[in-house]
């Protein structure tokens, strides 16, 4: 058995055992939650806007991060005749998450809202896990001259937009704040979890805002440079936050923004790897049917 398969099976077995313990022993689950909250409180003590979003959103984000590697683990645990296709691994991961979330929700005081929150967090994790699995299974592909030129142009335009948003004299959403709160109130009435408030919305928007950066860097440099797309998010975001702290008193520099922006760049880098891989597969000589010669007709 290959070492990678053995490691994946061991990690997956430990994860299943831990999930069973947490789902069936309420005391263990409650203790884990309290320990997690204590860790979050300690991190918040650092200050500078670290984990300043809603408690429920922090918990949901942690669940999402735990679920992300699950499809890849399921796929890597099978070899040979037991090989697992990417979509099947994702389905198995989703089913396992729903089972665990359902058991935990049934043990709580508010089963309905807890179930919705858990399923939503797990759904995001499985979707990101699908993207990660597809990126891991993508062979190395170099960009074409045309894609490089296009990515360079779009990066220049995107960079101008980032500079305008990042170094604007006041928060860009200041005028829209009352309207955003009204929309969130309507969404909460429609069963959106209460922990998805203004802070969670702002964090999510920062994630999405930096997805194009990671994507365009990979499209410009190729799949082997996926790390450059992820690093670009960290470097650019940190530079913006430092600039806001030093030169823009009306703006608030936050560690949360760096976390969100970097997460978005990593997601974009994975998407870029998958897109280049799909393009390379379509243009590969082995994917096209050879034409029959006139003598062979």
Protein backbone atom coordinates (compact mmCIF):
# COMPACT_ATOMS: atom_id res chain seq x y z
CA UNK A 1 0.00 0.00 0.00
CA UNK A 2 1.45 3.44 -0.92
CA UNK A 3 2.42 5.59 2.03
CA UNK A 4 0.03 8.38 0.99
CA UNK A 5 -2.91 5.96 0.96
CA UNK A 6 -1.96 4.57 4.37
CA UNK A 7 -1.68 8.06 5.85
CA UNK A 8 -5.03 9.10 4.35
CA UNK A 9 -6.74 6.02 5.76
CA UNK A 10 -5.23 6.57 9.20
CA UNK A 11 -6.26 10.25 9.30
CA UNK A 12 -9.72 9.42 7.96
CA UNK A 13 -10.17 6.67 10.56
CA UNK A 14 -9.16 9.05 13.37
CA UNK A 15 -11.60 11.66 12.00
CA UNK A 16 -14.46 9.14 11.93
CA UNK A 17 -13.68 7.99 15.47
CA UNK A 18 -13.55 11.59 16.70
CA UNK A 19 -16.83 12.41 14.94
CA UNK A 20 -18.55 9.41 16.54
CA UNK A 21 -17.29 10.40 20.00
CA UNK A 22 -18.34 14.04 19.59
CA UNK A 23 -21.74 13.10 18.14
CA UNK A 24 -22.64 10.49 20.74
CA UNK A 25 -21.12 11.97 23.92
CA UNK A 26 -22.65 15.39 24.66
CA UNK A 27 -20.19 16.03 27.49
CA UNK A 28 -17.19 15.65 25.18
CA UNK A 29 -18.81 17.92 22.58
CA UNK A 30 -19.63 20.58 25.18
CA UNK A 31 -16.09 20.46 26.54
CA UNK A 32 -14.65 20.82 23.04
CA UNK A 33 -16.89 23.82 22.39
CA UNK A 34 -15.86 25.50 25.64
CA UNK A 35 -12.18 24.87 24.87
CA UNK A 36 -12.66 26.33 21.40
CA UNK A 37 -14.36 29.43 22.80
CA UNK A 38 -11.56 29.91 25.30
CA UNK A 39 -9.04 29.78 22.44
CA UNK A 40 -11.04 32.33 20.46
CA UNK A 41 -11.21 34.63 23.50
CA UNK A 42 -7.43 34.36 23.93
CA UNK A 43 -6.86 35.27 20.29
CA UNK A 44 -9.23 38.22 20.58
CA UNK A 45 -7.11 39.44 23.45
CA UNK A 46 -4.35 40.15 20.94
CA UNK A 47 -6.49 43.00 19.64
CA UNK A 48 -6.28 44.83 16.31
CA UNK A 49 -9.56 43.34 15.07
CA UNK A 50 -8.54 39.69 15.33
CA UNK A 51 -11.64 37.46 15.23
CA UNK A 52 -13.90 40.43 15.91
CA UNK A 53 -16.77 38.86 13.94
CA UNK A 54 -19.77 37.14 15.50
CA UNK A 55 -19.12 34.09 17.72
CA UNK A 56 -21.36 31.88 15.61
CA UNK A 57 -19.53 32.87 12.45
CA UNK A 58 -16.17 31.98 14.00
CA UNK A 59 -17.57 28.56 14.95
CA UNK A 60 -19.03 28.04 11.47
CA UNK A 61 -15.71 29.02 9.88
CA UNK A 62 -13.89 26.50 12.09
CA UNK A 63 -16.32 23.76 11.02
CA UNK A 64 -15.78 24.72 7.38
CA UNK A 65 -11.99 24.50 7.76
CA UNK A 66 -12.29 21.04 9.34
CA UNK A 67 -14.51 19.79 6.49
CA UNK A 68 -12.39 21.18 3.61
CA UNK A 69 -9.81 18.33 3.48
CA UNK A 70 -12.45 15.60 3.88
CA UNK A 71 -13.16 14.96 0.14
CA UNK A 72 -9.43 14.72 -0.58
CA UNK A 73 -8.93 12.29 2.32
CA UNK A 74 -11.79 10.07 1.14
CA UNK A 75 -10.42 10.06 -2.42
CA UNK A 76 -6.84 9.36 -1.29
CA UNK A 77 -7.93 6.51 1.01
CA UNK A 78 -8.92 4.35 -1.96
CA UNK A 79 -6.41 2.83 -4.39
CA UNK A 80 -6.61 0.33 -7.21
CA UNK A 81 -10.01 -1.32 -7.36
CA UNK A 82 -11.09 0.77 -4.38
CA UNK A 83 -10.24 4.11 -6.06
CA UNK A 84 -12.81 6.80 -5.36
CA UNK A 85 -13.86 9.34 -7.98
CA UNK A 86 -13.80 13.01 -7.01
CA UNK A 87 -17.56 13.47 -7.09
CA UNK A 88 -18.13 10.29 -5.10
CA UNK A 89 -15.64 11.39 -2.46
CA UNK A 90 -17.47 14.71 -2.18
CA UNK A 91 -20.84 12.96 -1.85
CA UNK A 92 -19.53 10.67 0.90
CA UNK A 93 -18.06 13.67 2.70
CA UNK A 94 -21.37 15.55 2.46
CA UNK A 95 -23.37 12.56 3.74
CA UNK A 96 -21.02 12.10 6.70
CA UNK A 97 -21.31 15.79 7.58
CA UNK A 98 -25.11 15.75 7.46
CA UNK A 99 -25.24 12.68 9.73
CA UNK A 100 -22.91 14.20 12.34
CA UNK A 101 -24.65 17.60 12.21
CA UNK A 102 -28.08 15.97 12.56
CA UNK A 103 -27.02 14.00 15.64
CA UNK A 104 -25.45 17.05 17.28
CA UNK A 105 -28.44 19.28 16.47
CA UNK A 106 -30.85 16.77 17.97
CA UNK A 107 -28.92 16.96 21.25
CA UNK A 108 -29.14 20.75 21.50
CA UNK A 109 -31.82 23.07 22.84
CA UNK A 110 -32.54 24.55 19.38
CA UNK A 111 -32.32 21.65 16.91
CA UNK A 112 -33.67 23.50 13.87
CA UNK A 113 -31.36 26.55 13.85
CA UNK A 114 -28.40 24.39 14.90
CA UNK A 115 -29.01 22.00 12.01
CA UNK A 116 -29.27 24.83 9.47
CA UNK A 117 -26.08 26.44 10.76
CA UNK A 118 -24.17 23.15 10.72
CA UNK A 119 -25.32 22.16 7.25
CA UNK A 120 -24.49 25.60 5.87
CA UNK A 121 -20.97 25.51 7.33
CA UNK A 122 -20.40 21.96 6.09
CA UNK A 123 -21.76 22.77 2.62
CA UNK A 124 -19.22 25.56 2.20
CA UNK A 125 -16.50 23.21 3.43
CA UNK A 126 -17.47 20.44 0.99
CA UNK A 127 -17.58 22.86 -1.94
CA UNK A 128 -14.11 24.18 -1.07
CA UNK A 129 -12.99 20.58 -0.57
CA UNK A 130 -14.18 19.72 -4.09
CA UNK A 131 -12.12 22.62 -5.41
CA UNK A 132 -9.07 21.49 -3.42
CA UNK A 133 -9.42 17.90 -4.66
CA UNK A 134 -9.72 19.03 -8.27
CA UNK A 135 -6.63 21.24 -7.85
CA UNK A 136 -4.63 18.37 -6.34
CA UNK A 137 -5.55 16.11 -9.25
CA UNK A 138 -4.60 18.69 -11.89
CA UNK A 139 -1.34 18.15 -13.73
CA UNK A 140 1.13 20.99 -14.21
CA UNK A 141 0.02 23.33 -17.00
CA UNK A 142 1.83 26.40 -18.32
CA UNK A 143 -0.17 29.45 -19.44
CA UNK A 144 -0.34 30.37 -23.10
CA UNK A 145 0.97 33.74 -24.35
CA UNK A 146 -2.62 34.86 -24.91
CA UNK A 147 -3.75 33.93 -21.39
CA UNK A 148 -0.68 35.69 -19.97
CA UNK A 149 -1.48 38.91 -21.79
CA UNK A 150 -5.11 38.76 -20.72
CA UNK A 151 -4.23 37.99 -17.09
CA UNK A 152 -1.66 40.82 -17.04
CA UNK A 153 -4.22 43.33 -18.31
CA UNK A 154 -6.87 42.19 -15.84
CA UNK A 155 -4.33 42.23 -12.98
CA UNK A 156 -3.49 45.85 -13.76
CA UNK A 157 -7.18 46.84 -13.74
CA UNK A 158 -7.83 44.80 -10.61
CA UNK A 159 -4.83 46.39 -8.88
CA UNK A 160 -6.26 49.86 -9.52
CA UNK A 161 -9.54 48.76 -7.98
CA UNK A 162 -7.78 47.31 -4.92
CA UNK A 163 -5.84 50.54 -4.39
CA UNK A 164 -9.00 52.64 -4.63
CA UNK A 165 -10.95 50.47 -2.21
CA UNK A 166 -8.05 49.90 0.19
CA UNK A 167 -6.86 53.51 0.43
CA UNK A 168 -10.15 55.38 0.16
CA UNK A 169 -10.39 58.06 2.82
CA UNK A 170 -13.38 56.44 4.53
CA UNK A 171 -14.93 52.94 4.54
CA UNK A 172 -16.40 52.32 1.08
CA UNK A 173 -19.63 50.93 2.54
CA UNK A 174 -20.23 53.79 4.97
CA UNK A 175 -23.17 55.23 3.02
CA UNK A 176 -24.74 51.82 2.42
CA UNK A 177 -24.55 50.66 6.03
CA UNK A 178 -28.23 51.30 6.96
CA UNK A 179 -29.43 49.58 3.79
CA UNK A 180 -27.20 46.57 4.43
CA UNK A 181 -28.61 46.22 7.94
CA UNK A 182 -32.16 46.25 6.57
CA UNK A 183 -31.30 43.54 4.03
CA UNK A 184 -29.70 41.43 6.77
CA UNK A 185 -32.81 41.82 8.92
CA UNK A 186 -34.97 40.53 6.07
CA UNK A 187 -32.55 37.65 5.48
CA UNK A 188 -32.67 36.68 9.16
CA UNK A 189 -36.45 36.57 9.00
CA UNK A 190 -36.06 34.19 6.05
CA UNK A 191 -34.10 31.73 8.24
CA UNK A 192 -30.57 33.00 7.58
CA UNK A 193 -28.59 32.13 10.76
CA UNK A 194 -28.46 35.04 13.19
CA UNK A 195 -24.67 34.72 13.48
CA UNK A 196 -24.34 35.93 9.90
CA UNK A 197 -24.46 39.61 10.78
CA UNK A 198 -22.70 42.68 9.48
CA UNK A 199 -19.26 41.50 10.62
CA UNK A 200 -19.70 38.12 8.93
CA UNK A 201 -20.94 39.79 5.75
CA UNK A 202 -17.94 42.12 5.69
CA UNK A 203 -15.55 39.21 6.25
CA UNK A 204 -17.17 37.20 3.44
CA UNK A 205 -17.03 40.20 1.09
CA UNK A 206 -13.31 40.55 1.80
CA UNK A 207 -12.81 36.87 0.96
CA UNK A 208 -14.64 37.22 -2.35
CA UNK A 209 -12.87 40.49 -3.18
CA UNK A 210 -9.45 38.79 -3.22
CA UNK A 211 -10.46 35.64 -5.13
CA UNK A 212 -9.61 37.30 -8.49
CA UNK A 213 -6.09 38.09 -7.29
CA UNK A 214 -5.12 34.46 -6.70
CA UNK A 215 -6.94 33.39 -9.86
CA UNK A 216 -5.23 35.92 -12.13
CA UNK A 217 -1.76 35.29 -10.69
CA UNK A 218 -2.08 31.57 -11.46
CA UNK A 219 -3.46 32.27 -14.94
CA UNK A 220 -0.44 34.55 -15.49
CA UNK A 221 2.28 32.26 -14.09
CA UNK A 222 0.89 28.71 -14.44
CA UNK A 223 -0.28 26.00 -12.07
CA UNK A 224 3.15 25.43 -10.53
CA UNK A 225 3.00 28.99 -9.15
CA UNK A 226 -0.22 28.45 -7.18
CA UNK A 227 1.70 29.44 -4.05
CA UNK A 228 2.43 32.86 -5.61
CA UNK A 229 -1.31 33.50 -5.95
CA UNK A 230 -1.84 32.63 -2.29
CA UNK A 231 1.18 34.68 -1.15
CA UNK A 232 0.02 37.68 -3.20
CA UNK A 233 -3.12 37.88 -1.11
CA UNK A 234 -1.14 37.92 2.13
CA UNK A 235 1.39 40.50 0.93
CA UNK A 236 -1.11 42.88 -0.70
CA UNK A 237 -3.56 42.68 2.20
CA UNK A 238 -0.86 43.24 4.82
CA UNK A 239 0.45 46.25 2.87
CA UNK A 240 -3.05 47.75 2.70
CA UNK A 241 -3.69 47.27 6.41
CA UNK A 242 -0.32 48.80 7.34
CA UNK A 243 -1.02 51.75 5.04
CA UNK A 244 -4.43 52.29 6.61
CA UNK A 245 -2.94 52.19 10.11
CA UNK A 246 -0.24 54.71 9.26
CA UNK A 247 -1.94 57.17 6.91
CA UNK A 248 -5.74 56.80 7.13
CA UNK A 249 -7.12 57.58 10.60
CA UNK A 250 -10.70 57.12 9.38
CA UNK A 251 -9.96 53.49 8.41
CA UNK A 252 -9.46 50.64 10.87
CA UNK A 253 -6.62 48.20 10.16
CA UNK A 254 -7.72 44.68 11.07
CA UNK A 255 -6.14 41.24 11.25
CA UNK A 256 -9.51 39.87 10.16
CA UNK A 257 -9.12 41.63 6.81
CA UNK A 258 -5.73 39.96 6.28
CA UNK A 259 -7.22 36.56 7.13
CA UNK A 260 -10.18 37.08 4.83
CA UNK A 261 -8.14 38.48 1.93
CA UNK A 262 -5.56 35.70 2.14
CA UNK A 263 -8.30 33.08 2.25
CA UNK A 264 -9.85 34.57 -0.86
CA UNK A 265 -6.51 34.58 -2.69
CA UNK A 266 -5.92 30.92 -1.78
CA UNK A 267 -9.37 30.01 -3.08
CA UNK A 268 -8.74 31.95 -6.28
CA UNK A 269 -5.37 30.22 -6.75
CA UNK A 270 -7.03 26.80 -6.51
CA UNK A 271 -9.67 27.89 -9.01
CA UNK A 272 -6.92 29.07 -11.36
CA UNK A 273 -5.18 25.70 -11.15
CA UNK A 274 -8.43 23.91 -12.02
CA UNK A 275 -9.22 26.25 -14.92
CA UNK A 276 -5.76 25.89 -16.45
CA UNK A 277 -5.98 22.14 -15.98
CA UNK A 278 -9.30 21.98 -17.81
CA UNK A 279 -7.91 24.06 -20.64
CA UNK A 280 -4.81 21.88 -20.87
CA UNK A 281 -6.99 18.78 -21.01
CA UNK A 282 -9.06 20.21 -23.88
CA UNK A 283 -6.01 21.23 -25.89
CA UNK A 284 -4.01 18.06 -25.22
CA UNK A 285 -3.33 16.05 -28.41
CA UNK A 286 -4.62 12.90 -26.75
CA UNK A 287 -8.09 14.39 -26.24
CA UNK A 288 -8.84 14.97 -29.91
CA UNK A 289 -9.83 12.29 -32.36
CA UNK A 290 -7.32 11.87 -35.21
CA UNK A 291 -8.61 12.60 -38.67
CA UNK A 292 -8.80 9.76 -41.13
CA UNK A 293 -6.59 10.21 -44.16
CA UNK A 294 -8.00 10.13 -47.64
CA UNK A 295 -6.28 6.77 -48.27
CA UNK A 296 -7.94 5.25 -45.25
CA UNK A 297 -11.49 6.16 -46.23
